[in-house]
Amino acid sequence: MQELADIVDKKNFMKTILLFLALISFCASAQTTAPTIVTYGNPITLETAKKVMTAAEAFAISKHWTVVIAVVDNGGNLVLLQKLDNTQIGSIDLAIGKAKTANNFKRPTKAIEDAVAGGGIGLRMLAAPGVVPLEGGEPIYLDGKIIGAIGVSGMQATQDAEVSRAGVAVLK
């Protein structure tokens, strides 16, 4: 009878050790690194804003798209604004709003649009003052820091975003 008890104890001991090792392995794999915090750098210069604007405008013209393009600094202040001929007037405020939203929330406005479209907790973004939850706004980075943002409006939101990305691509 004692031999049976010794065998059971050894089996329980081995099970306990295996369970413990599995738990340690799980915990080690579940650990994640802290998310990178995006910071603001110096405000975008007029020269850099012009480069971004020129690239975005050239892309829009090549597609025959009528858009408004806005560039803001990292404080959300308007630096440049261009309205291509025959663009709807309502796109002026939307382009500025998209640029400010991308800058102030440190992410493309598509991320906010997706959060709102997902419903639930994402709908709280609609209560944030000044948020324009429409695709077409992109932060502008220099040396890994946000120096401002670009916002585009006038076409479908996906097309506005293409123009925005063409603008920021000039700095990569």
N, C-alpha and C. Protein backbone atom coordinates (compact mmCIF):
# COMPACT_ATOMS: atom_id res chain seq x y z
N MET A 1 0.82 -1.19 0.00
CA MET A 1 0.00 0.00 0.00
C MET A 1 0.87 1.26 0.00
N GLN A 2 1.96 1.22 0.73
CA GLN A 2 2.87 2.37 0.80
C GLN A 2 3.48 2.63 -0.58
N GLU A 3 3.79 1.59 -1.34
CA GLU A 3 4.36 1.75 -2.67
C GLU A 3 3.36 2.48 -3.59
N LEU A 4 2.09 2.14 -3.47
CA LEU A 4 1.06 2.79 -4.26
C LEU A 4 0.97 4.28 -3.91
N ALA A 5 1.07 4.60 -2.65
CA ALA A 5 1.03 6.00 -2.20
C ALA A 5 2.23 6.77 -2.74
N ASP A 6 3.40 6.14 -2.75
CA ASP A 6 4.60 6.79 -3.28
C ASP A 6 4.46 7.08 -4.78
N ILE A 7 3.86 6.13 -5.52
CA ILE A 7 3.67 6.31 -6.96
C ILE A 7 2.70 7.46 -7.22
N VAL A 8 1.59 7.51 -6.47
CA VAL A 8 0.61 8.57 -6.63
C VAL A 8 1.24 9.92 -6.29
N ASP A 9 2.04 10.00 -5.22
CA ASP A 9 2.70 11.24 -4.85
C ASP A 9 3.65 11.70 -5.94
N LYS A 10 4.39 10.76 -6.52
CA LYS A 10 5.33 11.11 -7.59
C LYS A 10 4.56 11.62 -8.81
N LYS A 11 3.43 10.99 -9.14
CA LYS A 11 2.63 11.43 -10.27
C LYS A 11 2.05 12.83 -10.01
N ASN A 12 1.55 13.04 -8.81
CA ASN A 12 1.01 14.36 -8.47
C ASN A 12 2.10 15.42 -8.48
N PHE A 13 3.27 15.04 -8.00
CA PHE A 13 4.39 15.96 -7.98
C PHE A 13 4.77 16.34 -9.42
N MET A 14 4.83 15.36 -10.31
CA MET A 14 5.19 15.62 -11.70
C MET A 14 4.11 16.48 -12.38
N LYS A 15 2.85 16.18 -12.10
CA LYS A 15 1.77 16.98 -12.66
C LYS A 15 1.87 18.43 -12.19
N THR A 16 2.17 18.59 -10.91
CA THR A 16 2.30 19.94 -10.34
C THR A 16 3.45 20.68 -11.00
N ILE A 17 4.57 20.01 -11.18
CA ILE A 17 5.75 20.64 -11.82
C ILE A 17 5.41 21.02 -13.26
N LEU A 18 4.78 20.13 -14.01
CA LEU A 18 4.42 20.41 -15.39
C LEU A 18 3.43 21.57 -15.49
N LEU A 19 2.47 21.58 -14.59
CA LEU A 19 1.50 22.67 -14.57
C LEU A 19 2.18 24.00 -14.26
N PHE A 20 3.10 23.97 -13.30
CA PHE A 20 3.84 25.17 -12.92
C PHE A 20 4.68 25.67 -14.10
N LEU A 21 5.36 24.78 -14.79
CA LEU A 21 6.19 25.18 -15.94
C LEU A 21 5.32 25.73 -17.08
N ALA A 22 4.16 25.11 -17.29
CA ALA A 22 3.26 25.61 -18.32
C ALA A 22 2.77 27.01 -17.97
N LEU A 23 2.46 27.24 -16.71
CA LEU A 23 2.00 28.55 -16.26
C LEU A 23 3.08 29.60 -16.45
N ILE A 24 4.30 29.27 -16.10
CA ILE A 24 5.41 30.21 -16.27
C ILE A 24 5.61 30.52 -17.76
N SER A 25 5.54 29.50 -18.57
CA SER A 25 5.70 29.68 -20.01
C SER A 25 4.61 30.58 -20.57
N PHE A 26 3.38 30.35 -20.12
CA PHE A 26 2.25 31.17 -20.59
C PHE A 26 2.43 32.62 -20.17
N CYS A 27 2.79 32.82 -18.92
CA CYS A 27 2.96 34.19 -18.42
C CYS A 27 4.08 34.91 -19.16
N ALA A 28 5.15 34.21 -19.43
CA ALA A 28 6.28 34.83 -20.13
C ALA A 28 5.88 35.21 -21.56
N SER A 29 5.10 34.36 -22.21
CA SER A 29 4.70 34.67 -23.58
C SER A 29 3.62 35.74 -23.62
N ALA A 30 2.84 35.87 -22.55
CA ALA A 30 1.75 36.85 -22.52
C ALA A 30 2.25 38.26 -22.23
N GLN A 31 3.47 38.36 -21.72
CA GLN A 31 3.99 39.69 -21.42
C GLN A 31 4.23 40.43 -22.72
N THR A 32 3.81 41.66 -22.78
CA THR A 32 4.02 42.47 -23.96
C THR A 32 4.82 43.69 -23.55
N THR A 33 5.48 44.25 -24.54
CA THR A 33 6.21 45.47 -24.25
C THR A 33 5.23 46.62 -24.20
N ALA A 34 5.60 47.64 -23.49
CA ALA A 34 4.75 48.81 -23.37
C ALA A 34 4.61 49.46 -24.75
N PRO A 35 3.44 49.99 -25.06
CA PRO A 35 3.26 50.62 -26.37
C PRO A 35 4.17 51.84 -26.49
N THR A 36 4.62 52.06 -27.70
CA THR A 36 5.45 53.23 -27.95
C THR A 36 4.57 54.48 -27.86
N ILE A 37 5.03 55.43 -27.12
CA ILE A 37 4.29 56.68 -26.98
C ILE A 37 4.79 57.65 -28.04
N VAL A 38 3.88 58.07 -28.89
CA VAL A 38 4.22 59.02 -29.94
C VAL A 38 4.26 60.41 -29.31
N THR A 39 5.32 61.14 -29.61
CA THR A 39 5.46 62.47 -29.04
C THR A 39 5.41 63.53 -30.14
N TYR A 40 5.18 64.74 -29.72
CA TYR A 40 5.22 65.87 -30.65
C TYR A 40 6.64 66.41 -30.71
N GLY A 41 7.06 66.80 -31.89
CA GLY A 41 8.35 67.44 -32.08
C GLY A 41 8.17 68.93 -32.21
N ASN A 42 9.11 69.56 -32.87
CA ASN A 42 8.97 70.98 -33.16
C ASN A 42 7.87 71.16 -34.20
N PRO A 43 7.21 72.30 -34.21
CA PRO A 43 6.14 72.53 -35.20
C PRO A 43 6.67 72.46 -36.63
N ILE A 44 5.83 72.02 -37.53
CA ILE A 44 6.19 71.97 -38.94
C ILE A 44 6.59 73.36 -39.42
N THR A 45 7.63 73.42 -40.22
CA THR A 45 8.05 74.71 -40.79
C THR A 45 7.23 74.98 -42.05
N LEU A 46 7.20 76.21 -42.45
CA LEU A 46 6.49 76.58 -43.67
C LEU A 46 7.10 75.85 -44.87
N GLU A 47 8.41 75.75 -44.90
CA GLU A 47 9.09 75.06 -46.00
C GLU A 47 8.66 73.59 -46.08
N THR A 48 8.60 72.91 -44.95
CA THR A 48 8.19 71.51 -44.93
C THR A 48 6.71 71.38 -45.28
N ALA A 49 5.90 72.28 -44.77
CA ALA A 49 4.47 72.28 -45.10
C ALA A 49 4.25 72.45 -46.60
N LYS A 50 5.05 73.30 -47.22
CA LYS A 50 4.94 73.50 -48.67
C LYS A 50 5.31 72.23 -49.43
N LYS A 51 6.31 71.49 -48.96
CA LYS A 51 6.69 70.23 -49.61
C LYS A 51 5.54 69.23 -49.54
N VAL A 52 4.95 69.12 -48.36
CA VAL A 52 3.83 68.19 -48.17
C VAL A 52 2.65 68.63 -49.05
N MET A 53 2.35 69.91 -49.04
CA MET A 53 1.24 70.46 -49.84
C MET A 53 1.47 70.21 -51.32
N THR A 54 2.68 70.48 -51.80
CA THR A 54 2.99 70.32 -53.23
C THR A 54 2.82 68.87 -53.67
N ALA A 55 3.28 67.94 -52.85
CA ALA A 55 3.16 66.52 -53.20
C ALA A 55 1.69 66.09 -53.21
N ALA A 56 0.94 66.53 -52.23
CA ALA A 56 -0.49 66.18 -52.15
C ALA A 56 -1.24 66.79 -53.33
N GLU A 57 -0.96 68.05 -53.62
CA GLU A 57 -1.64 68.73 -54.73
C GLU A 57 -1.32 68.04 -56.06
N ALA A 58 -0.06 67.72 -56.29
CA ALA A 58 0.33 67.07 -57.54
C ALA A 58 -0.39 65.73 -57.71
N PHE A 59 -0.51 64.99 -56.62
CA PHE A 59 -1.22 63.70 -56.68
C PHE A 59 -2.69 63.92 -57.03
N ALA A 60 -3.34 64.87 -56.37
CA ALA A 60 -4.75 65.14 -56.62
C ALA A 60 -4.97 65.59 -58.07
N ILE A 61 -4.10 66.45 -58.55
CA ILE A 61 -4.24 66.94 -59.93
C ILE A 61 -4.05 65.79 -60.92
N SER A 62 -3.10 64.90 -60.63
CA SER A 62 -2.86 63.77 -61.54
C SER A 62 -4.08 62.85 -61.64
N LYS A 63 -4.91 62.84 -60.61
CA LYS A 63 -6.13 62.02 -60.60
C LYS A 63 -7.37 62.81 -61.05
N HIS A 64 -7.18 64.12 -61.29
CA HIS A 64 -8.29 65.02 -61.65
C HIS A 64 -9.32 65.10 -60.52
N TRP A 65 -8.82 65.15 -59.31
CA TRP A 65 -9.69 65.23 -58.14
C TRP A 65 -9.74 66.66 -57.64
N THR A 66 -10.92 67.11 -57.30
CA THR A 66 -11.10 68.45 -56.75
C THR A 66 -11.15 68.33 -55.22
N VAL A 67 -10.14 68.86 -54.58
CA VAL A 67 -10.03 68.73 -53.12
C VAL A 67 -9.53 70.02 -52.49
N VAL A 68 -9.76 70.09 -51.19
CA VAL A 68 -9.14 71.10 -50.34
C VAL A 68 -8.08 70.38 -49.53
N ILE A 69 -6.90 70.97 -49.41
CA ILE A 69 -5.79 70.39 -48.65
C ILE A 69 -5.41 71.37 -47.55
N ALA A 70 -5.39 70.88 -46.32
CA ALA A 70 -5.02 71.72 -45.18
C ALA A 70 -3.83 71.10 -44.46
N VAL A 71 -2.90 71.92 -44.05
CA VAL A 71 -1.76 71.48 -43.23
C VAL A 71 -1.78 72.31 -41.95
N VAL A 72 -1.74 71.61 -40.81
CA VAL A 72 -1.69 72.28 -39.51
C VAL A 72 -0.38 71.94 -38.82
N ASP A 73 0.03 72.80 -37.89
CA ASP A 73 1.22 72.49 -37.10
C ASP A 73 0.83 71.57 -35.94
N ASN A 74 1.78 71.22 -35.11
CA ASN A 74 1.48 70.27 -34.03
C ASN A 74 0.67 70.87 -32.89
N GLY A 75 0.32 72.12 -33.02
CA GLY A 75 -0.62 72.74 -32.08
C GLY A 75 -2.02 72.81 -32.67
N GLY A 76 -2.18 72.28 -33.88
CA GLY A 76 -3.47 72.30 -34.55
C GLY A 76 -3.79 73.61 -35.26
N ASN A 77 -2.78 74.46 -35.40
CA ASN A 77 -2.97 75.77 -36.05
C ASN A 77 -2.74 75.65 -37.55
N LEU A 78 -3.59 76.27 -38.32
CA LEU A 78 -3.50 76.21 -39.77
C LEU A 78 -2.21 76.86 -40.26
N VAL A 79 -1.46 76.13 -41.09
CA VAL A 79 -0.24 76.65 -41.69
C VAL A 79 -0.46 76.95 -43.17
N LEU A 80 -1.09 76.02 -43.87
CA LEU A 80 -1.38 76.19 -45.30
C LEU A 80 -2.75 75.62 -45.63
N LEU A 81 -3.39 76.24 -46.61
CA LEU A 81 -4.68 75.75 -47.10
C LEU A 81 -4.75 76.03 -48.59
N GLN A 82 -5.12 75.00 -49.36
CA GLN A 82 -5.32 75.17 -50.78
C GLN A 82 -6.62 74.52 -51.19
N LYS A 83 -7.40 75.27 -51.96
CA LYS A 83 -8.65 74.74 -52.52
C LYS A 83 -8.45 74.69 -54.02
N LEU A 84 -8.45 73.47 -54.56
CA LEU A 84 -8.31 73.33 -56.00
C LEU A 84 -9.60 73.83 -56.67
N ASP A 85 -9.46 74.31 -57.88
CA ASP A 85 -10.60 74.87 -58.61
C ASP A 85 -11.77 73.90 -58.62
N ASN A 86 -12.96 74.45 -58.46
CA ASN A 86 -14.23 73.73 -58.52
C ASN A 86 -14.47 72.76 -57.36
N THR A 87 -13.72 72.91 -56.30
CA THR A 87 -13.96 72.07 -55.11
C THR A 87 -15.10 72.67 -54.31
N GLN A 88 -15.94 71.82 -53.77
CA GLN A 88 -17.08 72.29 -52.97
C GLN A 88 -16.58 73.08 -51.76
N ILE A 89 -17.29 74.13 -51.43
CA ILE A 89 -16.91 75.03 -50.33
C ILE A 89 -16.92 74.31 -48.98
N GLY A 90 -17.86 73.38 -48.79
CA GLY A 90 -17.96 72.66 -47.51
C GLY A 90 -16.72 71.86 -47.17
N SER A 91 -15.89 71.57 -48.16
CA SER A 91 -14.68 70.78 -47.92
C SER A 91 -13.59 71.57 -47.20
N ILE A 92 -13.71 72.90 -47.17
CA ILE A 92 -12.69 73.70 -46.48
C ILE A 92 -12.67 73.36 -44.99
N ASP A 93 -13.81 73.47 -44.35
CA ASP A 93 -13.86 73.17 -42.91
C ASP A 93 -13.56 71.70 -42.62
N LEU A 94 -14.00 70.81 -43.51
CA LEU A 94 -13.73 69.38 -43.29
C LEU A 94 -12.24 69.07 -43.39
N ALA A 95 -11.55 69.65 -44.36
CA ALA A 95 -10.11 69.41 -44.50
C ALA A 95 -9.35 69.90 -43.27
N ILE A 96 -9.70 71.09 -42.81
CA ILE A 96 -9.05 71.63 -41.60
C ILE A 96 -9.37 70.73 -40.41
N GLY A 97 -10.63 70.33 -40.30
CA GLY A 97 -11.03 69.46 -39.18
C GLY A 97 -10.33 68.11 -39.20
N LYS A 98 -10.15 67.53 -40.38
CA LYS A 98 -9.45 66.25 -40.47
C LYS A 98 -7.99 66.41 -40.05
N ALA A 99 -7.36 67.49 -40.50
CA ALA A 99 -5.96 67.74 -40.12
C ALA A 99 -5.83 67.92 -38.61
N LYS A 100 -6.71 68.72 -38.02
CA LYS A 100 -6.66 68.94 -36.57
C LYS A 100 -6.92 67.65 -35.80
N THR A 101 -7.87 66.85 -36.27
CA THR A 101 -8.19 65.59 -35.60
C THR A 101 -6.99 64.63 -35.65
N ALA A 102 -6.37 64.50 -36.82
CA ALA A 102 -5.20 63.62 -36.95
C ALA A 102 -4.07 64.08 -36.03
N ASN A 103 -3.87 65.38 -35.95
CA ASN A 103 -2.83 65.92 -35.08
C ASN A 103 -3.17 65.73 -33.60
N ASN A 104 -4.35 66.11 -33.23
CA ASN A 104 -4.72 66.12 -31.81
C ASN A 104 -4.85 64.72 -31.22
N PHE A 105 -5.20 63.73 -32.05
CA PHE A 105 -5.36 62.37 -31.55
C PHE A 105 -4.21 61.45 -31.97
N LYS A 106 -3.19 62.04 -32.61
CA LYS A 106 -1.96 61.33 -32.96
C LYS A 106 -2.19 60.08 -33.78
N ARG A 107 -3.12 60.14 -34.71
CA ARG A 107 -3.41 58.97 -35.55
C ARG A 107 -4.17 59.40 -36.79
N PRO A 108 -4.13 58.58 -37.82
CA PRO A 108 -4.95 58.88 -39.00
C PRO A 108 -6.43 58.92 -38.62
N THR A 109 -7.18 59.79 -39.27
CA THR A 109 -8.60 59.88 -38.96
C THR A 109 -9.36 58.62 -39.33
N LYS A 110 -8.78 57.79 -40.18
CA LYS A 110 -9.39 56.49 -40.52
C LYS A 110 -9.57 55.65 -39.27
N ALA A 111 -8.63 55.71 -38.34
CA ALA A 111 -8.73 54.94 -37.09
C ALA A 111 -9.94 55.40 -36.28
N ILE A 112 -10.21 56.67 -36.28
CA ILE A 112 -11.36 57.19 -35.54
C ILE A 112 -12.65 56.86 -36.28
N GLU A 113 -12.63 56.95 -37.60
CA GLU A 113 -13.79 56.56 -38.40
C GLU A 113 -14.14 55.09 -38.12
N ASP A 114 -13.13 54.23 -38.10
CA ASP A 114 -13.35 52.81 -37.84
C ASP A 114 -13.92 52.57 -36.44
N ALA A 115 -13.42 53.32 -35.45
CA ALA A 115 -13.92 53.17 -34.08
C ALA A 115 -15.41 53.53 -34.00
N VAL A 116 -15.77 54.62 -34.66
CA VAL A 116 -17.18 55.05 -34.66
C VAL A 116 -18.03 54.04 -35.42
N ALA A 117 -17.54 53.58 -36.57
CA ALA A 117 -18.30 52.62 -37.38
C ALA A 117 -18.50 51.31 -36.64
N GLY A 118 -17.55 50.96 -35.75
CA GLY A 118 -17.66 49.73 -34.97
C GLY A 118 -18.72 49.81 -33.89
N GLY A 119 -19.18 51.00 -33.60
CA GLY A 119 -20.23 51.17 -32.59
C GLY A 119 -19.71 50.95 -31.19
N GLY A 120 -20.60 50.66 -30.30
CA GLY A 120 -20.23 50.41 -28.90
C GLY A 120 -19.43 51.55 -28.31
N ILE A 121 -18.32 51.18 -27.67
CA ILE A 121 -17.50 52.18 -26.99
C ILE A 121 -16.89 53.19 -27.96
N GLY A 122 -16.74 52.80 -29.24
CA GLY A 122 -16.19 53.71 -30.24
C GLY A 122 -17.04 54.94 -30.49
N LEU A 123 -18.32 54.83 -30.18
CA LEU A 123 -19.22 55.97 -30.39
C LEU A 123 -18.90 57.14 -29.49
N ARG A 124 -18.16 56.91 -28.42
CA ARG A 124 -17.83 58.02 -27.52
C ARG A 124 -16.98 59.08 -28.21
N MET A 125 -16.31 58.71 -29.32
CA MET A 125 -15.51 59.68 -30.05
C MET A 125 -16.37 60.81 -30.61
N LEU A 126 -17.64 60.53 -30.82
CA LEU A 126 -18.54 61.56 -31.34
C LEU A 126 -18.78 62.68 -30.33
N ALA A 127 -18.50 62.41 -29.06
CA ALA A 127 -18.69 63.41 -28.02
C ALA A 127 -17.45 64.27 -27.80
N ALA A 128 -16.33 63.89 -28.40
CA ALA A 128 -15.10 64.66 -28.24
C ALA A 128 -15.19 65.94 -29.07
N PRO A 129 -14.92 67.08 -28.46
CA PRO A 129 -15.03 68.35 -29.18
C PRO A 129 -14.09 68.42 -30.39
N GLY A 130 -14.62 68.87 -31.51
CA GLY A 130 -13.80 69.13 -32.68
C GLY A 130 -13.37 67.91 -33.47
N VAL A 131 -13.86 66.74 -33.14
CA VAL A 131 -13.44 65.53 -33.85
C VAL A 131 -14.17 65.43 -35.19
N VAL A 132 -13.40 65.18 -36.24
CA VAL A 132 -13.97 64.89 -37.55
C VAL A 132 -13.60 63.44 -37.86
N PRO A 133 -14.54 62.51 -37.61
CA PRO A 133 -14.23 61.09 -37.74
C PRO A 133 -14.39 60.57 -39.18
N LEU A 134 -13.71 61.22 -40.11
CA LEU A 134 -13.78 60.83 -41.51
C LEU A 134 -12.37 60.62 -42.04
N GLU A 135 -12.18 59.58 -42.82
CA GLU A 135 -10.87 59.28 -43.40
C GLU A 135 -10.40 60.46 -44.24
N GLY A 136 -9.09 60.71 -44.20
CA GLY A 136 -8.51 61.80 -44.99
C GLY A 136 -7.55 62.68 -44.22
N GLY A 137 -7.36 62.39 -42.93
CA GLY A 137 -6.40 63.14 -42.12
C GLY A 137 -5.24 62.22 -41.72
N GLU A 138 -4.02 62.72 -41.81
CA GLU A 138 -2.82 61.94 -41.47
C GLU A 138 -1.85 62.81 -40.67
N PRO A 139 -1.29 62.26 -39.59
CA PRO A 139 -0.22 62.99 -38.90
C PRO A 139 1.01 63.10 -39.80
N ILE A 140 1.76 64.15 -39.62
CA ILE A 140 3.02 64.32 -40.36
C ILE A 140 4.15 64.11 -39.37
N TYR A 141 5.02 63.15 -39.68
CA TYR A 141 6.13 62.79 -38.80
C TYR A 141 7.45 63.27 -39.38
N LEU A 142 8.33 63.67 -38.49
CA LEU A 142 9.71 63.98 -38.84
C LEU A 142 10.56 63.46 -37.69
N ASP A 143 11.50 62.61 -38.01
CA ASP A 143 12.36 61.98 -36.99
C ASP A 143 11.55 61.27 -35.92
N GLY A 144 10.45 60.64 -36.32
CA GLY A 144 9.63 59.85 -35.40
C GLY A 144 8.71 60.65 -34.51
N LYS A 145 8.65 61.96 -34.72
CA LYS A 145 7.80 62.82 -33.90
C LYS A 145 6.78 63.54 -34.78
N ILE A 146 5.61 63.81 -34.21
CA ILE A 146 4.57 64.52 -34.95
C ILE A 146 4.90 66.00 -34.99
N ILE A 147 4.94 66.53 -36.22
CA ILE A 147 5.23 67.96 -36.39
C ILE A 147 4.00 68.72 -36.89
N GLY A 148 2.95 67.97 -37.22
CA GLY A 148 1.72 68.57 -37.72
C GLY A 148 0.86 67.49 -38.34
N ALA A 149 -0.06 67.90 -39.20
CA ALA A 149 -0.93 66.93 -39.87
C ALA A 149 -1.49 67.55 -41.14
N ILE A 150 -1.95 66.67 -42.01
CA ILE A 150 -2.58 67.08 -43.26
C ILE A 150 -4.01 66.55 -43.27
N GLY A 151 -4.91 67.34 -43.80
CA GLY A 151 -6.30 66.91 -43.97
C GLY A 151 -6.75 67.24 -45.38
N VAL A 152 -7.50 66.32 -45.97
CA VAL A 152 -7.97 66.50 -47.34
C VAL A 152 -9.46 66.19 -47.38
N SER A 153 -10.21 66.99 -48.15
CA SER A 153 -11.64 66.74 -48.33
C SER A 153 -12.05 67.20 -49.71
N GLY A 154 -13.04 66.52 -50.27
CA GLY A 154 -13.59 66.93 -51.55
C GLY A 154 -14.03 65.75 -52.40
N MET A 155 -13.41 64.61 -52.18
CA MET A 155 -13.77 63.41 -52.94
C MET A 155 -14.34 62.39 -51.95
N GLN A 156 -14.35 61.11 -52.33
CA GLN A 156 -14.72 60.08 -51.36
C GLN A 156 -13.63 60.04 -50.30
N ALA A 157 -13.99 59.64 -49.10
CA ALA A 157 -13.02 59.65 -48.00
C ALA A 157 -11.78 58.82 -48.32
N THR A 158 -11.94 57.70 -48.99
CA THR A 158 -10.77 56.87 -49.33
C THR A 158 -9.85 57.61 -50.30
N GLN A 159 -10.42 58.38 -51.20
CA GLN A 159 -9.61 59.16 -52.14
C GLN A 159 -8.93 60.33 -51.42
N ASP A 160 -9.65 60.95 -50.50
CA ASP A 160 -9.05 62.01 -49.69
C ASP A 160 -7.80 61.47 -48.96
N ALA A 161 -7.93 60.25 -48.44
CA ALA A 161 -6.82 59.64 -47.71
C ALA A 161 -5.64 59.37 -48.63
N GLU A 162 -5.89 58.99 -49.87
CA GLU A 162 -4.80 58.77 -50.82
C GLU A 162 -4.01 60.06 -51.03
N VAL A 163 -4.72 61.17 -51.13
CA VAL A 163 -4.06 62.47 -51.31
C VAL A 163 -3.24 62.82 -50.06
N SER A 164 -3.82 62.60 -48.89
CA SER A 164 -3.09 62.86 -47.64
C SER A 164 -1.81 62.05 -47.55
N ARG A 165 -1.94 60.76 -47.85
CA ARG A 165 -0.75 59.87 -47.77
C ARG A 165 0.32 60.26 -48.80
N ALA A 166 -0.12 60.74 -49.97
CA ALA A 166 0.85 61.21 -50.97
C ALA A 166 1.62 62.41 -50.44
N GLY A 167 0.93 63.25 -49.69
CA GLY A 167 1.60 64.41 -49.11
C GLY A 167 2.64 64.03 -48.08
N VAL A 168 2.27 63.15 -47.14
CA VAL A 168 3.23 62.78 -46.08
C VAL A 168 4.36 61.91 -46.61
N ALA A 169 4.12 61.20 -47.72
CA ALA A 169 5.14 60.32 -48.28
C ALA A 169 6.39 61.08 -48.73
N VAL A 170 6.25 62.35 -49.04
CA VAL A 170 7.38 63.13 -49.50
C VAL A 170 8.45 63.26 -48.42
N LEU A 171 8.08 63.06 -47.16
CA LEU A 171 9.05 63.21 -46.06
C LEU A 171 9.71 61.89 -45.67
N LYS A 172 9.33 60.79 -46.31
CA LYS A 172 9.90 59.48 -45.94
C LYS A 172 11.16 59.19 -46.70
